[in-house]
């Protein structure tokens, strides 16, 4: 668990049976504490997050570093400094998948912390400013299916001049990579406009379809080639799609729609 405070965090192991802390390790921040725009798995909203446990290790994100602590003693086992902000860390069969603000998608081996592969997915938008203009970066969850991984990011530019006249403009990019080597299989761009950017973006892969929402829009892509099979705009916000079995559920406009 995370203990300490916002500027002086600790990672601690707590035994609920004895009601005692087994160990506690202070984490030296690699950057001034920030609040992430999304509170996703691996992102607590702080600069330090506990991502997962793996084969006697506790895997920690420290802003632009990945750390491994011994789960028994709390001693550091290895560290990899990416040198860029890390987005959406996701584990898959002993590999940590994430994207960074340097524009690369990374696959990192959890056994030793070495990078298995990295692929360039963007040249400018995975940061907080583009061409000296403030933007809002939306980082979508990473999904894996049939040895392919799927990821999307979106940039919202506030074009309005007042709170009553926003007219935000959203440009999103969705891509698919080969899980084994990081080869880019396909990429597509999507656009949307509205009064506000979506606060609950979602990405779900089910069978041969990729479901993605933003603001009041829903897109469905062919998982094999990225072609758009459906694009629908609702009157209100679309909640993140969720899957169960072979069905994907999408909630919007006080209705629940099931896709299969």
Protein backbone atom coordinates (compact mmCIF):
# COMPACT_ATOMS: atom_id res chain seq x y z
CA UNK A 1 0.00 0.00 0.00
CA UNK A 2 0.95 3.69 -0.33
CA UNK A 3 1.59 5.46 2.96
CA UNK A 4 3.27 8.71 3.97
CA UNK A 5 2.03 11.84 2.30
CA UNK A 6 1.81 13.48 -1.11
CA UNK A 7 5.37 14.82 -1.17
CA UNK A 8 7.02 12.11 0.94
CA UNK A 9 5.46 8.79 -0.10
CA UNK A 10 6.24 5.33 1.25
CA UNK A 11 5.42 1.88 -0.06
CA UNK A 12 4.51 -0.39 2.85
CA UNK A 13 3.59 -4.01 3.44
CA UNK A 14 0.87 -4.50 6.05
CA UNK A 15 -0.09 -7.75 7.74
CA UNK A 16 -3.82 -7.70 8.46
CA UNK A 17 -3.67 -10.75 10.73
CA UNK A 18 -1.19 -9.14 13.14
CA UNK A 19 -2.26 -5.56 12.39
CA UNK A 20 1.37 -4.54 11.93
CA UNK A 21 3.53 -3.13 9.17
CA UNK A 22 6.06 -5.71 7.95
CA UNK A 23 8.21 -3.09 6.21
CA UNK A 24 8.03 0.43 4.85
CA UNK A 25 10.28 1.98 2.19
CA UNK A 26 10.49 5.66 1.38
CA UNK A 27 10.32 6.50 -2.33
CA UNK A 28 12.44 9.45 -3.46
CA UNK A 29 10.35 11.32 -6.01
CA UNK A 30 11.93 11.75 -9.42
CA UNK A 31 9.81 14.81 -10.14
CA UNK A 32 7.61 17.30 -8.31
CA UNK A 33 4.33 15.58 -7.34
CA UNK A 34 1.60 15.92 -9.91
CA UNK A 35 -1.99 14.78 -10.22
CA UNK A 36 -2.60 12.50 -13.19
CA UNK A 37 -5.57 13.38 -15.40
CA UNK A 38 -6.80 9.82 -15.12
CA UNK A 39 -7.07 7.60 -12.08
CA UNK A 40 -6.52 4.26 -13.77
CA UNK A 41 -4.95 0.98 -12.70
CA UNK A 42 -1.39 1.90 -11.85
CA UNK A 43 -2.30 5.55 -11.37
CA UNK A 44 -3.44 6.56 -7.92
CA UNK A 45 -3.59 10.24 -8.89
CA UNK A 46 -0.15 10.69 -7.27
CA UNK A 47 3.36 10.58 -8.71
CA UNK A 48 3.94 7.15 -7.10
CA UNK A 49 1.69 4.14 -7.70
CA UNK A 50 1.77 0.46 -6.83
CA UNK A 51 1.20 -1.32 -10.15
CA UNK A 52 1.22 -5.04 -9.35
CA UNK A 53 3.01 -7.92 -7.63
CA UNK A 54 4.93 -10.50 -9.66
CA UNK A 55 6.95 -13.53 -8.52
CA UNK A 56 7.95 -12.11 -5.14
CA UNK A 57 8.26 -8.55 -6.41
CA UNK A 58 6.24 -5.39 -5.84
CA UNK A 59 6.27 -3.28 -8.99
CA UNK A 60 6.17 0.49 -8.43
CA UNK A 61 5.79 3.44 -10.77
CA UNK A 62 7.68 6.54 -9.65
CA UNK A 63 6.62 9.16 -12.20
CA UNK A 64 9.16 8.27 -14.91
CA UNK A 65 10.72 5.19 -13.31
CA UNK A 66 9.69 1.59 -12.80
CA UNK A 67 10.97 0.08 -9.52
CA UNK A 68 10.96 -3.47 -8.20
CA UNK A 69 10.95 -4.16 -4.45
CA UNK A 70 11.39 -7.52 -2.78
CA UNK A 71 7.93 -8.42 -1.46
CA UNK A 72 9.42 -10.08 1.64
CA UNK A 73 11.97 -7.47 2.72
CA UNK A 74 11.09 -4.33 0.76
CA UNK A 75 14.66 -4.10 -0.61
CA UNK A 76 15.06 -2.72 -4.12
CA UNK A 77 15.74 -5.41 -6.74
CA UNK A 78 15.98 -3.36 -9.91
CA UNK A 79 15.11 0.03 -11.38
CA UNK A 80 14.54 1.30 -14.91
CA UNK A 81 14.50 5.05 -15.54
CA UNK A 82 12.43 5.70 -18.64
CA UNK A 83 13.12 9.45 -18.52
CA UNK A 84 9.55 10.36 -19.49
CA UNK A 85 6.08 10.38 -17.92
CA UNK A 86 4.53 6.91 -17.90
CA UNK A 87 0.92 6.31 -18.95
CA UNK A 88 -1.39 3.33 -18.40
CA UNK A 89 1.02 0.64 -17.11
CA UNK A 90 -0.59 -2.76 -17.74
CA UNK A 91 0.77 -6.25 -17.00
CA UNK A 92 0.48 -9.20 -19.35
CA UNK A 93 2.23 -12.56 -18.82
CA UNK A 94 5.30 -11.21 -17.08
CA UNK A 95 5.60 -8.11 -19.25
CA UNK A 96 4.75 -4.55 -18.27
CA UNK A 97 3.18 -2.58 -21.11
CA UNK A 98 3.00 1.22 -21.00
CA UNK A 99 3.31 4.37 -23.08
CA UNK A 100 5.51 7.33 -22.20
CA UNK A 101 5.56 11.04 -22.98
CA UNK A 102 8.61 10.50 -25.21
CA UNK A 103 6.14 9.05 -27.74
CA UNK A 104 7.19 5.41 -27.34
CA UNK A 105 5.22 2.31 -26.43
CA UNK A 106 7.26 0.06 -24.12
CA UNK A 107 7.30 -3.63 -23.23
CA UNK A 108 9.41 -4.23 -20.09
CA UNK A 109 10.32 -7.66 -18.71
CA UNK A 110 9.26 -7.87 -15.07
CA UNK A 111 11.90 -10.47 -14.17
CA UNK A 112 14.85 -8.08 -14.60
CA UNK A 113 13.43 -4.70 -15.64
CA UNK A 114 15.01 -4.79 -19.10
CA UNK A 115 13.12 -3.40 -22.10
CA UNK A 116 11.94 -6.16 -24.45
CA UNK A 117 10.98 -3.69 -27.18
CA UNK A 118 9.79 -0.15 -27.74
CA UNK A 119 7.89 1.34 -30.65
CA UNK A 120 7.38 4.96 -31.68
CA UNK A 121 3.65 5.73 -31.65
CA UNK A 122 3.62 9.56 -31.54
CA UNK A 123 5.96 12.47 -32.21
CA UNK A 124 4.43 15.31 -30.16
CA UNK A 125 1.07 14.81 -28.47
CA UNK A 126 1.95 12.61 -25.49
CA UNK A 127 2.89 15.70 -23.50
CA UNK A 128 0.86 18.50 -21.88
CA UNK A 129 1.64 21.21 -24.45
CA UNK A 130 1.74 21.17 -28.23
CA UNK A 131 3.07 24.14 -30.19
CA UNK A 132 2.94 26.25 -27.00
CA UNK A 133 -0.79 25.58 -26.61
CA UNK A 134 -2.24 23.90 -23.53
CA UNK A 135 -3.99 20.64 -24.29
CA UNK A 136 -5.71 17.88 -22.35
CA UNK A 137 -4.20 14.46 -22.98
CA UNK A 138 -6.47 11.45 -22.59
CA UNK A 139 -4.63 8.12 -22.26
CA UNK A 140 -6.88 5.10 -22.85
CA UNK A 141 -6.55 1.70 -21.17
CA UNK A 142 -4.27 -0.81 -22.92
CA UNK A 143 -6.06 -3.92 -24.14
CA UNK A 144 -4.59 -7.26 -25.26
CA UNK A 145 -6.27 -9.91 -27.40
CA UNK A 146 -4.96 -12.66 -29.70
CA UNK A 147 -1.32 -11.52 -29.37
CA UNK A 148 -2.24 -8.01 -30.43
CA UNK A 149 -2.36 -4.99 -28.16
CA UNK A 150 -4.64 -2.00 -28.66
CA UNK A 151 -4.19 1.50 -27.32
CA UNK A 152 -5.55 4.97 -27.97
CA UNK A 153 -4.79 8.53 -26.92
CA UNK A 154 -6.66 11.76 -27.56
CA UNK A 155 -5.82 15.45 -27.44
CA UNK A 156 -8.49 18.01 -26.57
CA UNK A 157 -7.82 21.62 -27.49
CA UNK A 158 -10.01 24.24 -25.84
CA UNK A 159 -11.02 26.53 -28.68
CA UNK A 160 -13.65 28.61 -26.85
CA UNK A 161 -13.00 31.98 -25.28
CA UNK A 162 -15.17 31.60 -22.18
CA UNK A 163 -16.72 28.95 -19.95
CA UNK A 164 -20.00 29.43 -21.79
CA UNK A 165 -18.37 29.10 -25.23
CA UNK A 166 -15.95 26.19 -25.21
CA UNK A 167 -16.38 24.27 -28.48
CA UNK A 168 -13.54 21.91 -27.66
CA UNK A 169 -11.91 19.97 -30.48
CA UNK A 170 -10.82 16.37 -29.89
CA UNK A 171 -8.41 14.44 -32.10
CA UNK A 172 -7.77 10.84 -31.15
CA UNK A 173 -5.42 8.15 -32.44
CA UNK A 174 -5.99 4.43 -32.03
CA UNK A 175 -3.37 1.83 -32.91
CA UNK A 176 -2.69 -1.88 -32.80
CA UNK A 177 0.75 -3.44 -32.22
CA UNK A 178 2.13 -6.97 -32.33
CA UNK A 179 2.50 -8.09 -28.71
CA UNK A 180 5.63 -10.15 -29.40
CA UNK A 181 7.81 -7.52 -31.09
CA UNK A 182 5.94 -4.20 -30.96
CA UNK A 183 5.51 -3.94 -34.73
CA UNK A 184 2.83 -1.41 -35.66
CA UNK A 185 0.00 -3.28 -37.37
CA UNK A 186 -2.38 -0.40 -38.02
CA UNK A 187 -3.31 3.08 -36.82
CA UNK A 188 -6.36 5.30 -37.32
CA UNK A 189 -7.31 8.87 -36.41
CA UNK A 190 -10.69 10.03 -35.10
CA UNK A 191 -12.16 13.47 -34.45
CA UNK A 192 -14.94 14.84 -32.26
CA UNK A 193 -16.17 18.22 -31.08
CA UNK A 194 -18.30 19.37 -28.17
CA UNK A 195 -18.62 21.62 -25.14
CA UNK A 196 -16.40 19.48 -22.93
CA UNK A 197 -13.98 16.60 -23.32
CA UNK A 198 -15.09 13.23 -21.99
CA UNK A 199 -14.18 12.51 -18.38
CA UNK A 200 -14.64 8.74 -18.67
CA UNK A 201 -12.93 7.44 -21.80
CA UNK A 202 -13.02 3.70 -22.38
CA UNK A 203 -11.52 1.10 -24.69
CA UNK A 204 -12.67 -2.53 -24.88
CA UNK A 205 -11.75 -5.30 -27.33
CA UNK A 206 -14.18 -8.16 -27.85
CA UNK A 207 -13.83 -10.80 -30.56
CA UNK A 208 -13.00 -8.82 -33.73
CA UNK A 209 -14.22 -5.40 -32.59
CA UNK A 210 -12.63 -2.50 -30.71
CA UNK A 211 -15.09 -0.23 -28.84
CA UNK A 212 -13.94 3.29 -27.94
CA UNK A 213 -15.87 6.21 -26.45
CA UNK A 214 -15.18 9.91 -25.89
CA UNK A 215 -17.55 12.66 -24.79
CA UNK A 216 -20.87 11.66 -26.42
CA UNK A 217 -19.38 9.63 -29.28
CA UNK A 218 -18.86 5.89 -29.75
CA UNK A 219 -16.63 4.26 -32.35
CA UNK A 220 -16.36 0.58 -33.26
CA UNK A 221 -13.29 -0.55 -35.21
CA UNK A 222 -12.40 -3.82 -36.90
CA UNK A 223 -9.74 -5.30 -34.61
CA UNK A 224 -7.84 -6.87 -37.51
CA UNK A 225 -7.37 -3.84 -39.77
CA UNK A 226 -8.68 -0.76 -37.89
CA UNK A 227 -11.51 0.02 -40.32
CA UNK A 228 -14.45 1.88 -38.74
CA UNK A 229 -17.55 -0.30 -38.65
CA UNK A 230 -19.71 2.03 -36.54
CA UNK A 231 -19.67 5.67 -35.41
CA UNK A 232 -22.57 6.96 -33.31
CA UNK A 233 -23.20 10.25 -31.49
CA UNK A 234 -25.51 10.33 -28.46
CA UNK A 235 -27.31 13.23 -26.76
CA UNK A 236 -25.32 12.80 -23.53
CA UNK A 237 -22.04 11.36 -22.31
CA UNK A 238 -21.23 7.76 -23.18
CA UNK A 239 -19.93 5.73 -20.25
CA UNK A 240 -16.90 3.47 -20.85
CA UNK A 241 -17.90 0.23 -22.60
CA UNK A 242 -17.55 -2.98 -20.64
CA UNK A 243 -17.54 -6.60 -21.77
CA UNK A 244 -18.88 -9.84 -20.36
CA UNK A 245 -18.38 -13.01 -22.34
CA UNK A 246 -19.00 -12.20 -26.00
CA UNK A 247 -21.15 -9.14 -25.31
CA UNK A 248 -20.09 -5.49 -24.96
CA UNK A 249 -22.36 -3.13 -23.03
CA UNK A 250 -22.55 0.62 -23.65
CA UNK A 251 -24.58 2.98 -21.44
CA UNK A 252 -25.78 6.35 -22.73
CA UNK A 253 -28.96 8.43 -22.95
CA UNK A 254 -30.44 6.45 -20.01
CA UNK A 255 -30.23 3.26 -22.06
CA UNK A 256 -28.01 0.20 -21.99
CA UNK A 257 -27.10 -1.23 -25.39
CA UNK A 258 -25.63 -4.69 -25.85
CA UNK A 259 -23.41 -5.51 -28.86
CA UNK A 260 -22.44 -9.03 -29.88
